[in-house]
Structure formats: structure tokens, C-alpha cells
Amino acid sequence: MSDSFDVIVIGAGPGGYVCAIRCAQLGLKTACVEKRDTLGGTCLNVGCIPSKALLSASEKYEAANHHFSGMGIDTKGVSLNLANMMKFKDNVVGANTKGIEFLFKKNKVEWLKGGGKVSKAGEVEVAGKKYAAKHIIIATGSDVVSLPGITIDEKQIVSSTGALVLNKVPKTMVVIGGGVIGLELGSVWQRLGSKVTVVEYLDRILPGMDGEVAKEAQKILAKQGLEFKLGMKVTSAVSDSKGVTLRVEPASGGKGETLSADVVLVAVGRKAHTDGLGLKEAGITTDERGRVAVDHHFQTNVKGVYAIGDVIAGPMLAHKAEEEGIILAEMLAGQSGHIDYNLVPGVVYTHPEIAAIGKTEEQLKQEGVEYKAGKFPFSANGRARAMGATDGFVKILAHAKTDRVLGVHIVGPEAGTLIAEAAIVMEFGGSSEDIFRTCHAHPTLEEVTKEAALAVHGRAIHS
């Protein structure tokens, strides 16, 4: 193994491993530092991939128990084998992480195993050994955040990591936080039989998303069985042999209440993972939230040291990290790159899914931008009816004068897939008319997007 490289990437999550592979493809001698026994970072090991495996499996279990009969499929004796469901999840994770290891070998990326830190400009230390690099890229991702007075033990009071490995279905679960992670994992355990209560500090779920979409999503999830306590804060959580006792009080002040649960999931956000990287010793600047400060080329204040992904400002999303990794790799090879942070889609993998890109109505109003809105429900779409998936709608926001699409917001079946059309249109500065004058196959869910574009101009056909 060489002691000198063109590029050393610290962290093998989506941003790090993608960046390392692209650097190697461009002819740069590349190594990637990872302390886990498997590659892929939080996303592939204890985040995106295992959670989606459980979401998918639990949706099928729910459908078999409650929805198949309405489609003429009689299912008797359907039961949950949680151990096998967890085995399925682990197999999915294993296949993905082994796939990254294969790609490293294929592209000649060296895996430096162990914890890494920046010794100084041009030098990385891994497990006590020092390596030289012309370019150092920090891609160490993020870690869970807890609340004051609440200790996560990953048994009764769990983070998202612990919620992925519970060995039995809790009779009751309290989820602290009504954001993406809380709703996704809360949905999993609700479908498997747990009574789930979501406690959110704000007066709404999904902060940052379009208000109308969040309201519709809450209505759908409540109908599925999730209970919501909004505008409430958790001041304490104490566990014992009987479970967890929580003290919950109104965020605005007033009389509180006591809740009890078998398991409490703390899902109040994530923070940049910079511990042990030697940033202070290397003179690397961080911002007020502990994130690595970078310029428009992802370079820190120390020449030759860069950072991407969750560890820098911006949405903590795997695909955002991947885009940054590719752009940085290409810039280091003398090419150019571009990312429009307004056009990074966000998806919530509940059932139905929720997806968004661009501006919300609230943002447009605050910015004083004149716009038109077009909305179309899945209940009026033939394919959605045939699928038995009619909840939700597509909403398109377009500039009142130019018709340029400013935002697209979806709650409904396969929203995470449907949002890709909006991303492409918006990347090219397209209009709502560009969408509705494009021929969409029939019968498809994509027709809802076309109808929403028509609705911007008051001319939807099927409503």
C-alpha cells in the first residue's frame, strides 16, 4: 500500500465513496478512509437503505392484512416474523455495502481502514499511520442529536440507529420529532402493530416543507393510526423496567402532561460529525453549528483541504452529498461543476410518499414573488385508482408572468419518483406549459403532474 496519494477522502458515505470513485475514474490516485467494517457510511449501514427496507416490508405486511381483500386477494393467517424481516433488511444492507467494496476494487480506490484525521495540510493520519495527499476531502457525514436531559441508550430510548434493530414490536412508541426520520420510522412500527404518538415542538409536522402538503400528510398519517401532539416539548424521559415515562409541556407554556411508552424514538435532527478529525489542531474553521466552513469550491480555509456532504452547510441528504462529491472530483481534475441548491429534491418515504423541490408557497409569499398555483388530486387519476392509492395531490407553483416553474410539491403514490420530472424541468428553466405540452403516457401517475400543470392555467381536463 502506498503512503502517498493525489486524493484522500475521509469517510465512505454517499458523498465520500462517490467522490473517491469519480476521482479515480479521472486518473487521480485515490484512497478513502473508513473506520466501519463496511463501506457506505450512515446511509447504507444505519440510515437510508435499512430504513427503506423496513418501510417496504412493513407496507407489504400492512397491505396483506388490511388492503388485499378489497382487491380480491384473500389472505388468511398472515403473521409477522420480525426476525426474518430484520434478516431481509440486513441482507439488503450487505448487498449494497459489498457493492461499494466491489466498485472500490474496480476503480482502484484504496480503502484505508480505521479512523482518520487531518494532521496538517497535505497529511492524513489513519490508525496511527500518516499518509500524504495533494488533496484531502472531509466527508464524515452527520450524527444523531439528542435533547437535554434525555439519554439515548439504544434499548428503550433509541435514535434512528436503535429503531432499526428492535427485536420486538413495542406496544407503544413515542416519537420525539415530526420530521422526516421520525415519520418514516414511526410509520414502520405503527404498521407492525405499535401505537405511535408523535410529539413535535412546532405547531406542524415536516418543518420546511410546503404547509398545505404537510397538512395533507398529517391528515393521511392520522387516518393510518399515528397520533400527533403538536406545539409540545419533551422536558424529560426516564426509563425503568416498565418502560419510559415522559414529561411533555406546551411549547408556549402552560399545563403539561405525562406520557408513557415502551420505546421512545428521539428524532430531532442530526449534527455534523467532526469529532476526532483534528480540525482545530489543523487550523480548519468551523461555523456556529460545528459544520466545516467552505468556499464555493468546497475548499476550507486551509489550502488543499475540502469538505462535502452533511459536514458542511445545506440539506443533509445523500444525493446532495453525492452531487457535491462528483463536482469536487471533477474540479480537482481541472473540469467544472455545478449544483443549484434550490433544486435539490427532498423525499419522505412514508406511505404515501411526500416529495418537494424548489420554493414553497410560504417562501414565495415571504419573498413577494407573484405566482400561480395548480393542483390536481390522485383520486382523479385512473392509474392511482387502479392501484388503490388515491390519497394526495401534485401542486405546481409557477411564476405569474413568465410561467417558469418555481416549486413542485407532491404527497401521493411514488412521489419520490414523480419529483424527478419536476427536477429536470426546473434545471432547464422550464415552464408549467412545457410540462403539459409534453405527451405523458396513459395510464400513469405522471399524468397527475401534467394535470397540475394544466391547472396552473385553469384548464385541467379531469377535474
Protein backbone atom coordinates (compact mmCIF):
# COMPACT_ATOMS: atom_id res chain seq x y z
CA MET A 1 0.00 0.00 0.00
CA SER A 2 1.30 3.42 -0.97
CA ASP A 3 1.83 6.20 1.57
CA SER A 4 1.18 8.99 -0.94
CA PHE A 5 -1.94 9.86 -2.94
CA ASP A 6 -3.39 12.59 -5.13
CA VAL A 7 -6.61 12.48 -3.10
CA ILE A 8 -7.56 11.08 0.29
CA VAL A 9 -11.25 11.13 1.15
CA ILE A 10 -12.13 10.78 4.84
CA GLY A 11 -15.47 8.99 5.09
CA ALA A 12 -17.07 6.38 2.82
CA GLY A 13 -20.69 7.50 2.93
CA PRO A 14 -22.57 8.50 -0.25
CA GLY A 15 -20.59 11.72 -0.65
CA GLY A 16 -17.23 10.20 0.19
CA TYR A 17 -17.37 6.95 -1.77
CA VAL A 18 -18.88 8.61 -4.86
CA CYS A 19 -16.23 11.33 -4.73
CA ALA A 20 -13.45 8.73 -4.36
CA ILE A 21 -14.72 6.66 -7.29
CA ARG A 22 -15.05 9.71 -9.54
CA CYS A 23 -11.56 10.93 -8.59
CA ALA A 24 -10.15 7.52 -9.52
CA GLN A 25 -12.08 7.49 -12.80
CA LEU A 26 -10.46 10.82 -13.65
CA GLY A 27 -6.97 9.39 -13.18
CA LEU A 28 -6.25 10.63 -9.67
CA LYS A 29 -4.56 8.20 -7.30
CA THR A 30 -7.21 7.94 -4.60
CA ALA A 31 -7.69 6.47 -1.14
CA CYS A 32 -10.78 6.52 1.07
CA VAL A 33 -10.64 6.34 4.87
CA GLU A 34 -13.42 4.45 6.67
CA LYS A 35 -13.47 3.17 10.24
CA ARG A 36 -16.56 0.99 9.88
CA ASP A 37 -16.11 -2.65 8.91
CA THR A 38 -18.28 -1.94 5.88
CA LEU A 39 -18.39 0.90 3.37
CA GLY A 40 -21.37 3.15 2.66
CA GLY A 41 -21.48 5.30 5.79
CA THR A 42 -24.62 6.03 7.78
CA CYS A 43 -26.84 5.92 4.70
CA LEU A 44 -26.12 2.37 3.60
CA ASN A 45 -25.48 0.89 7.04
CA VAL A 46 -27.87 2.50 9.52
CA GLY A 47 -29.86 5.08 7.56
CA CYS A 48 -31.40 5.38 4.11
CA ILE A 49 -31.09 1.78 2.94
CA PRO A 50 -32.10 -0.26 6.03
CA SER A 51 -34.97 2.13 6.78
CA LYS A 52 -36.30 1.79 3.22
CA ALA A 53 -36.08 -2.00 3.50
CA LEU A 54 -38.23 -1.91 6.64
CA LEU A 55 -40.57 0.67 5.13
CA SER A 56 -41.12 -1.54 2.09
CA ALA A 57 -41.56 -4.72 4.10
CA SER A 58 -43.93 -3.12 6.60
CA GLU A 59 -46.03 -1.64 3.77
CA LYS A 60 -46.47 -5.10 2.27
CA TYR A 61 -47.41 -6.51 5.68
CA GLU A 62 -49.96 -3.74 6.15
CA ALA A 63 -51.38 -4.32 2.67
CA ALA A 64 -51.68 -8.07 3.18
CA ASN A 65 -53.53 -7.57 6.44
CA HIS A 66 -55.81 -4.70 5.52
CA HIS A 67 -55.96 -3.94 1.80
CA PHE A 68 -55.54 -7.08 -0.30
CA SER A 69 -59.08 -8.30 0.39
CA GLY A 70 -60.50 -5.22 -1.30
CA MET A 71 -58.66 -6.21 -4.48
CA GLY A 72 -59.99 -9.76 -4.40
CA ILE A 73 -56.98 -11.31 -2.70
CA ASP A 74 -57.98 -13.27 0.38
CA THR A 75 -55.14 -13.66 2.86
CA LYS A 76 -55.59 -15.79 5.91
CA GLY A 77 -53.12 -16.43 8.66
CA VAL A 78 -50.77 -13.58 7.71
CA SER A 79 -48.38 -13.02 10.59
CA LEU A 80 -45.26 -11.02 11.31
CA ASN A 81 -41.88 -12.74 11.55
CA LEU A 82 -39.85 -9.78 12.80
CA ALA A 83 -36.59 -11.74 12.94
CA ASN A 84 -36.89 -12.63 9.26
CA MET A 85 -37.87 -9.07 8.38
CA MET A 86 -34.72 -7.85 10.10
CA LYS A 87 -32.74 -10.51 8.25
CA PHE A 88 -34.18 -9.21 4.97
CA LYS A 89 -33.11 -5.69 5.96
CA ASP A 90 -29.61 -6.88 6.86
CA ASN A 91 -29.28 -8.73 3.54
CA VAL A 92 -30.23 -5.57 1.65
CA VAL A 93 -27.62 -3.62 3.59
CA GLY A 94 -24.98 -6.30 3.00
CA ALA A 95 -25.58 -6.40 -0.75
CA ASN A 96 -25.25 -2.63 -1.00
CA THR A 97 -22.12 -2.30 1.11
CA LYS A 98 -20.41 -5.19 -0.69
CA GLY A 99 -21.31 -3.45 -3.93
CA ILE A 100 -19.35 -0.36 -2.87
CA GLU A 101 -16.37 -2.53 -1.94
CA PHE A 102 -16.52 -4.08 -5.42
CA LEU A 103 -16.60 -0.61 -7.01
CA PHE A 104 -13.55 0.44 -4.99
CA LYS A 105 -11.62 -2.54 -6.31
CA LYS A 106 -12.87 -1.99 -9.86
CA ASN A 107 -11.80 1.65 -9.86
CA LYS A 108 -8.58 1.06 -7.86
CA VAL A 109 -9.61 3.14 -4.85
CA GLU A 110 -7.57 2.09 -1.81
CA TRP A 111 -9.54 1.59 1.41
CA LEU A 112 -7.57 2.88 4.40
CA LYS A 113 -9.26 1.14 7.32
CA GLY A 114 -9.53 2.99 10.61
CA GLY A 115 -10.39 6.39 12.00
CA GLY A 116 -8.84 9.26 10.08
CA LYS A 117 -7.87 12.81 10.97
CA VAL A 118 -6.19 15.72 9.27
CA SER A 119 -2.69 16.05 10.74
CA LYS A 120 -1.95 19.15 8.69
CA ALA A 121 -2.31 20.37 5.14
CA GLY A 122 -1.28 17.51 2.87
CA GLU A 123 -1.27 14.82 5.57
CA VAL A 124 -3.86 12.41 6.95
CA GLU A 125 -3.35 10.07 9.89
CA VAL A 126 -5.19 6.75 9.88
CA ALA A 127 -4.93 4.33 12.78
CA GLY A 128 -1.60 5.86 13.80
CA LYS A 129 -0.06 5.85 10.31
CA LYS A 130 0.47 9.01 8.25
CA TYR A 131 -0.33 9.36 4.56
CA ALA A 132 0.46 12.22 2.21
CA ALA A 133 -2.13 13.69 -0.15
CA LYS A 134 -2.24 16.65 -2.50
CA HIS A 135 -5.95 16.99 -1.80
CA ILE A 136 -7.80 15.99 1.39
CA ILE A 137 -11.59 15.74 1.36
CA ILE A 138 -13.62 15.59 4.58
CA ALA A 139 -16.83 13.62 4.05
CA THR A 140 -17.59 12.31 7.51
CA GLY A 141 -21.35 12.93 7.43
CA SER A 142 -23.56 13.55 10.43
CA ASP A 143 -24.57 12.05 13.75
CA VAL A 144 -27.77 11.94 15.79
CA VAL A 145 -28.80 14.77 18.09
CA SER A 146 -30.42 14.24 21.47
CA LEU A 147 -32.23 16.61 23.81
CA PRO A 148 -31.07 17.97 27.18
CA GLY A 149 -31.91 15.58 29.97
CA ILE A 150 -32.60 12.64 27.65
CA THR A 151 -30.06 9.84 27.44
CA ILE A 152 -30.20 7.60 24.38
CA ASP A 153 -29.45 4.01 25.43
CA GLU A 154 -30.49 2.40 22.09
CA LYS A 155 -32.73 0.00 24.00
CA GLN A 156 -35.70 1.89 25.43
CA ILE A 157 -34.73 5.39 24.35
CA VAL A 158 -33.40 4.98 20.85
CA SER A 159 -32.07 7.03 17.96
CA SER A 160 -32.80 6.13 14.35
CA THR A 161 -30.00 3.57 14.64
CA GLY A 162 -31.65 1.73 17.52
CA ALA A 163 -35.08 1.96 15.90
CA LEU A 164 -33.78 -0.17 13.03
CA VAL A 165 -32.83 -3.12 15.22
CA LEU A 166 -35.62 -3.52 17.78
CA ASN A 167 -36.10 -7.23 18.49
CA LYS A 168 -39.82 -6.97 19.19
CA VAL A 169 -42.66 -4.67 18.29
CA PRO A 170 -43.26 -2.22 21.14
CA LYS A 171 -46.89 -1.95 22.21
CA THR A 172 -46.45 1.80 22.47
CA MET A 173 -43.88 4.18 20.97
CA VAL A 174 -43.40 7.90 21.38
CA VAL A 175 -41.53 9.63 18.57
CA ILE A 176 -39.93 12.94 19.54
CA GLY A 177 -39.80 14.97 16.34
CA GLY A 178 -42.26 15.25 13.45
CA GLY A 179 -39.66 15.47 10.72
CA VAL A 180 -38.62 13.02 8.03
CA ILE A 181 -36.86 10.41 10.20
CA GLY A 182 -39.50 10.40 12.92
CA LEU A 183 -42.39 9.97 10.50
CA GLU A 184 -40.67 7.26 8.46
CA LEU A 185 -39.62 5.08 11.37
CA GLY A 186 -42.77 5.82 13.32
CA SER A 187 -44.74 4.59 10.29
CA VAL A 188 -42.75 1.35 10.20
CA TRP A 189 -43.55 0.42 13.79
CA GLN A 190 -47.14 1.63 13.56
CA ARG A 191 -47.75 -0.70 10.62
CA LEU A 192 -46.16 -3.58 12.52
CA GLY A 193 -48.53 -3.10 15.44
CA SER A 194 -47.24 -0.35 17.72
CA LYS A 195 -49.40 2.53 18.94
CA VAL A 196 -47.30 5.52 17.88
CA THR A 197 -47.55 9.07 19.21
CA VAL A 198 -45.52 11.84 17.54
CA VAL A 199 -44.56 14.80 19.70
CA GLU A 200 -43.45 17.87 17.74
CA TYR A 201 -42.24 21.20 19.16
CA LEU A 202 -43.69 23.22 16.29
CA ASP A 203 -47.40 23.53 15.51
CA ARG A 204 -46.99 21.42 12.36
CA ILE A 205 -45.12 18.38 11.08
CA LEU A 206 -42.45 18.41 8.36
CA PRO A 207 -40.98 21.85 9.08
CA GLY A 208 -39.62 23.49 5.95
CA MET A 209 -41.96 21.71 3.58
CA ASP A 210 -44.96 23.35 1.92
CA GLY A 211 -47.63 23.94 4.54
CA GLU A 212 -50.53 22.55 2.50
CA VAL A 213 -48.59 19.37 1.78
CA ALA A 214 -47.64 18.96 5.45
CA LYS A 215 -51.27 19.43 6.49
CA GLU A 216 -52.46 16.82 3.99
CA ALA A 217 -49.71 14.41 5.02
CA GLN A 218 -50.70 14.73 8.68
CA LYS A 219 -54.33 14.03 7.83
CA ILE A 220 -53.38 10.88 5.89
CA LEU A 221 -50.97 9.61 8.56
CA ALA A 222 -53.51 10.26 11.32
CA LYS A 223 -56.05 8.22 9.36
CA GLN A 224 -53.48 5.40 9.32
CA GLY A 225 -53.24 5.47 13.11
CA LEU A 226 -50.45 7.88 14.06
CA GLU A 227 -51.35 10.28 16.86
CA PHE A 228 -49.89 13.79 16.86
CA LYS A 229 -49.17 16.17 19.74
CA LEU A 230 -48.07 19.42 18.12
CA GLY A 231 -46.70 22.53 19.77
CA MET A 232 -45.35 20.36 22.58
CA LYS A 233 -41.89 19.89 24.04
CA VAL A 234 -40.45 16.91 25.92
CA THR A 235 -38.72 18.07 29.08
CA SER A 236 -37.69 14.68 30.43
CA ALA A 237 -37.68 10.98 29.62
CA VAL A 238 -36.89 8.43 32.32
CA SER A 239 -36.68 4.71 31.65
CA ASP A 240 -37.11 1.79 34.02
CA SER A 241 -38.06 -1.87 33.82
CA LYS A 242 -41.64 -0.98 32.90
CA GLY A 243 -40.82 1.41 30.06
CA VAL A 244 -40.23 5.13 29.60
CA THR A 245 -42.05 7.97 31.32
CA LEU A 246 -42.01 11.33 29.53
CA ARG A 247 -42.94 14.80 30.68
CA VAL A 248 -44.50 16.82 27.85
CA GLU A 249 -45.37 20.52 28.08
CA PRO A 250 -46.81 23.09 25.65
CA ALA A 251 -44.00 24.86 23.80
CA SER A 252 -45.70 28.19 24.50
CA GLY A 253 -46.06 27.44 28.21
CA GLY A 254 -48.91 26.03 30.25
CA LYS A 255 -50.00 22.80 31.88
CA GLY A 256 -48.12 19.71 30.80
CA GLU A 257 -48.88 16.00 30.83
CA THR A 258 -47.16 12.69 31.38
CA LEU A 259 -46.83 10.07 28.65
CA SER A 260 -45.60 6.52 28.92
CA ALA A 261 -44.19 4.26 26.22
CA ASP A 262 -42.33 1.01 25.80
CA VAL A 263 -39.89 2.70 23.43
CA VAL A 264 -39.08 6.34 22.74
CA LEU A 265 -37.50 7.34 19.42
CA VAL A 266 -35.54 10.59 19.53
CA ALA A 267 -35.64 12.07 16.02
CA VAL A 268 -34.92 15.76 16.48
CA GLY A 269 -32.29 16.15 13.79
CA ARG A 270 -28.64 15.49 13.06
CA LYS A 271 -25.37 17.35 13.52
CA ALA A 272 -22.12 17.45 11.56
CA HIS A 273 -19.79 14.63 12.59
CA THR A 274 -16.43 16.32 13.15
CA ASP A 275 -15.25 14.72 16.40
CA GLY A 276 -11.73 13.35 16.28
CA LEU A 277 -10.88 14.86 12.90
CA GLY A 278 -8.23 17.20 14.32
CA LEU A 279 -9.87 20.23 12.70
CA LYS A 280 -8.88 22.69 15.41
CA GLU A 281 -5.30 21.44 15.52
CA ALA A 282 -5.06 21.68 11.72
CA GLY A 283 -6.45 25.23 11.81
CA ILE A 284 -9.64 24.35 9.89
CA THR A 285 -12.52 26.74 10.53
CA THR A 286 -15.99 25.58 11.54
CA ASP A 287 -19.21 27.61 11.71
CA GLU A 288 -21.51 28.29 14.66
CA ARG A 289 -23.18 24.89 14.22
CA GLY A 290 -19.93 22.95 14.11
CA ARG A 291 -20.02 22.42 10.35
CA VAL A 292 -16.86 22.75 8.27
CA ALA A 293 -16.74 26.17 6.61
CA VAL A 294 -16.02 26.02 2.86
CA ASP A 295 -15.99 28.36 -0.15
CA HIS A 296 -17.85 27.87 -3.46
CA HIS A 297 -15.26 25.29 -4.48
CA PHE A 298 -15.74 23.28 -1.25
CA GLN A 299 -12.29 24.33 -0.01
CA THR A 300 -11.73 25.10 3.65
CA ASN A 301 -9.55 27.96 4.89
CA VAL A 302 -6.61 25.51 4.75
CA LYS A 303 -5.41 25.14 1.17
CA GLY A 304 -5.80 21.65 -0.21
CA VAL A 305 -8.40 20.59 2.38
CA TYR A 306 -12.02 20.33 1.25
CA ALA A 307 -15.34 19.19 2.70
CA ILE A 308 -18.66 17.93 1.28
CA GLY A 309 -21.99 16.46 2.37
CA ASP A 310 -23.62 16.62 5.80
CA VAL A 311 -20.46 18.01 7.36
CA ILE A 312 -20.97 21.35 5.53
CA ALA A 313 -23.95 23.71 5.26
CA GLY A 314 -27.02 22.71 3.30
CA PRO A 315 -29.63 19.96 3.41
CA MET A 316 -28.42 16.72 4.99
CA LEU A 317 -29.32 14.50 2.05
CA ALA A 318 -27.35 11.66 0.49
CA HIS A 319 -27.99 12.81 -3.08
CA LYS A 320 -26.80 16.34 -2.24
CA ALA A 321 -23.57 14.83 -0.88
CA GLU A 322 -23.13 12.68 -3.99
CA GLU A 323 -23.55 15.66 -6.31
CA GLU A 324 -21.00 17.66 -4.31
CA GLY A 325 -18.59 14.72 -4.38
CA ILE A 326 -18.75 14.40 -8.16
CA ILE A 327 -18.49 18.16 -8.70
CA LEU A 328 -15.44 18.42 -6.42
CA ALA A 329 -13.74 15.43 -8.05
CA GLU A 330 -14.19 16.98 -11.49
CA MET A 331 -12.92 20.36 -10.33
CA LEU A 332 -9.80 18.74 -8.86
CA ALA A 333 -9.22 17.16 -12.26
CA GLY A 334 -9.43 20.54 -13.98
CA GLN A 335 -13.05 20.30 -15.07
CA SER A 336 -16.04 22.38 -13.97
CA GLY A 337 -19.10 21.52 -11.92
CA HIS A 338 -22.41 22.98 -10.86
CA ILE A 339 -25.14 22.42 -8.28
CA ASP A 340 -28.25 24.53 -7.71
CA TYR A 341 -29.14 24.06 -4.05
CA ASN A 342 -32.67 25.31 -4.72
CA LEU A 343 -33.15 22.27 -6.94
CA VAL A 344 -32.22 19.51 -4.53
CA PRO A 345 -35.34 17.37 -4.13
CA GLY A 346 -36.43 16.14 -0.74
CA VAL A 347 -38.43 12.96 -0.18
CA VAL A 348 -40.23 11.49 2.83
CA TYR A 349 -40.73 7.74 2.38
CA THR A 350 -43.93 7.39 4.33
CA HIS A 351 -46.96 5.80 2.65
CA PRO A 352 -47.87 7.64 0.57
CA GLU A 353 -44.58 9.35 -0.14
CA ILE A 354 -44.03 13.09 0.11
CA ALA A 355 -41.65 14.94 -2.22
CA ALA A 356 -40.70 18.54 -2.88
CA ILE A 357 -38.37 20.68 -4.94
CA GLY A 358 -37.93 24.43 -5.20
CA LYS A 359 -39.89 27.08 -3.33
CA THR A 360 -42.88 26.57 -1.06
CA GLU A 361 -45.92 28.87 -1.15
CA GLU A 362 -44.84 30.30 2.18
CA GLN A 363 -41.41 31.19 0.79
CA LEU A 364 -42.83 32.81 -2.35
CA LYS A 365 -45.22 34.92 -0.29
CA GLN A 366 -42.43 35.98 2.06
CA GLU A 367 -40.21 36.91 -0.89
CA GLY A 368 -43.02 38.84 -2.58
CA VAL A 369 -42.92 36.71 -5.73
CA GLU A 370 -46.08 36.68 -7.83
CA TYR A 371 -47.07 33.13 -8.66
CA LYS A 372 -49.88 30.87 -9.79
CA ALA A 373 -50.64 27.51 -8.24
CA GLY A 374 -52.06 24.44 -9.95
CA LYS A 375 -53.16 21.37 -8.01
CA PHE A 376 -54.54 18.02 -9.08
CA PRO A 377 -55.60 15.07 -6.89
CA PHE A 378 -54.55 11.45 -7.33
CA SER A 379 -58.18 10.49 -6.70
CA ALA A 380 -58.99 11.72 -10.23
CA ASN A 381 -56.25 9.63 -11.87
CA GLY A 382 -57.11 6.29 -13.45
CA ARG A 383 -53.82 4.59 -12.61
CA ALA A 384 -53.96 5.70 -8.97
CA ARG A 385 -57.48 4.30 -8.70
CA ALA A 386 -56.36 1.01 -10.25
CA MET A 387 -53.56 0.84 -7.68
CA GLY A 388 -55.86 1.64 -4.77
CA ALA A 389 -53.62 4.62 -3.98
CA THR A 390 -55.72 7.75 -4.31
CA ASP A 391 -54.55 9.86 -1.35
CA GLY A 392 -52.78 13.14 -2.02
CA PHE A 393 -52.10 15.55 -4.86
CA VAL A 394 -49.48 17.26 -7.00
CA LYS A 395 -49.07 21.03 -6.65
CA ILE A 396 -47.10 23.17 -9.08
CA LEU A 397 -46.09 26.76 -8.37
CA ALA A 398 -45.21 28.85 -11.42
CA HIS A 399 -44.18 32.49 -11.86
CA ALA A 400 -47.27 34.58 -12.59
CA LYS A 401 -45.67 36.36 -15.57
CA THR A 402 -43.02 34.05 -17.02
CA ASP A 403 -44.72 30.71 -16.11
CA ARG A 404 -41.33 29.37 -15.00
CA VAL A 405 -41.79 26.52 -12.52
CA LEU A 406 -40.70 27.71 -9.07
CA GLY A 407 -41.71 24.75 -6.93
CA VAL A 408 -43.36 21.34 -7.12
CA HIS A 409 -44.85 19.61 -4.08
CA ILE A 410 -46.30 16.11 -4.04
CA VAL A 411 -47.99 13.92 -1.49
CA GLY A 412 -49.08 10.66 -3.04
CA PRO A 413 -48.01 7.31 -4.51
CA GLU A 414 -44.42 7.17 -5.79
CA ALA A 415 -43.91 10.88 -5.12
CA GLY A 416 -40.15 10.35 -4.83
CA THR A 417 -40.07 9.07 -8.41
CA LEU A 418 -42.51 11.64 -9.80
CA ILE A 419 -40.43 14.56 -8.48
CA ALA A 420 -37.66 13.72 -10.98
CA GLU A 421 -39.68 15.17 -13.86
CA ALA A 422 -40.01 18.43 -11.96
CA ALA A 423 -36.28 18.47 -11.20
CA ILE A 424 -35.39 18.16 -14.89
CA VAL A 425 -37.88 20.81 -15.98
CA MET A 426 -36.68 23.23 -13.33
CA GLU A 427 -32.98 22.55 -14.03
CA PHE A 428 -33.58 23.73 -17.60
CA GLY A 429 -35.68 26.72 -16.52
CA GLY A 430 -38.86 25.17 -17.89
CA SER A 431 -42.44 26.35 -17.52
CA SER A 432 -45.67 24.69 -16.48
CA GLU A 433 -46.65 24.87 -20.15
CA ASP A 434 -43.54 22.84 -21.01
CA ILE A 435 -44.88 20.14 -18.71
CA PHE A 436 -48.42 20.00 -20.03
CA ARG A 437 -47.39 20.20 -23.68
CA THR A 438 -45.17 17.14 -23.18
CA CYS A 439 -47.02 13.93 -24.01
CA HIS A 440 -47.36 11.77 -20.89
CA ALA A 441 -48.10 8.05 -21.19
CA HIS A 442 -51.53 6.79 -20.17
CA PRO A 443 -52.45 5.41 -17.72
CA THR A 444 -49.66 6.60 -15.44
CA LEU A 445 -49.27 8.53 -12.20
CA GLU A 446 -47.24 11.08 -14.16
CA GLU A 447 -50.48 12.33 -15.69
CA VAL A 448 -51.27 13.93 -12.33
CA THR A 449 -48.24 16.17 -12.80
CA LYS A 450 -49.45 17.11 -16.29
CA GLU A 451 -52.93 17.91 -14.96
CA ALA A 452 -51.44 20.03 -12.16
CA ALA A 453 -49.50 21.98 -14.81
CA LEU A 454 -52.73 22.47 -16.75
CA ALA A 455 -54.40 23.60 -13.52
CA VAL A 456 -51.85 26.44 -13.22
CA HIS A 457 -53.65 27.90 -16.25
CA GLY A 458 -57.13 26.90 -15.11
CA ARG A 459 -57.54 24.25 -17.75
CA ALA A 460 -57.22 20.84 -16.08
CA ILE A 461 -59.10 18.21 -18.09
CA HIS A 462 -60.10 15.63 -15.50
CA SER A 463 -61.38 17.82 -12.68
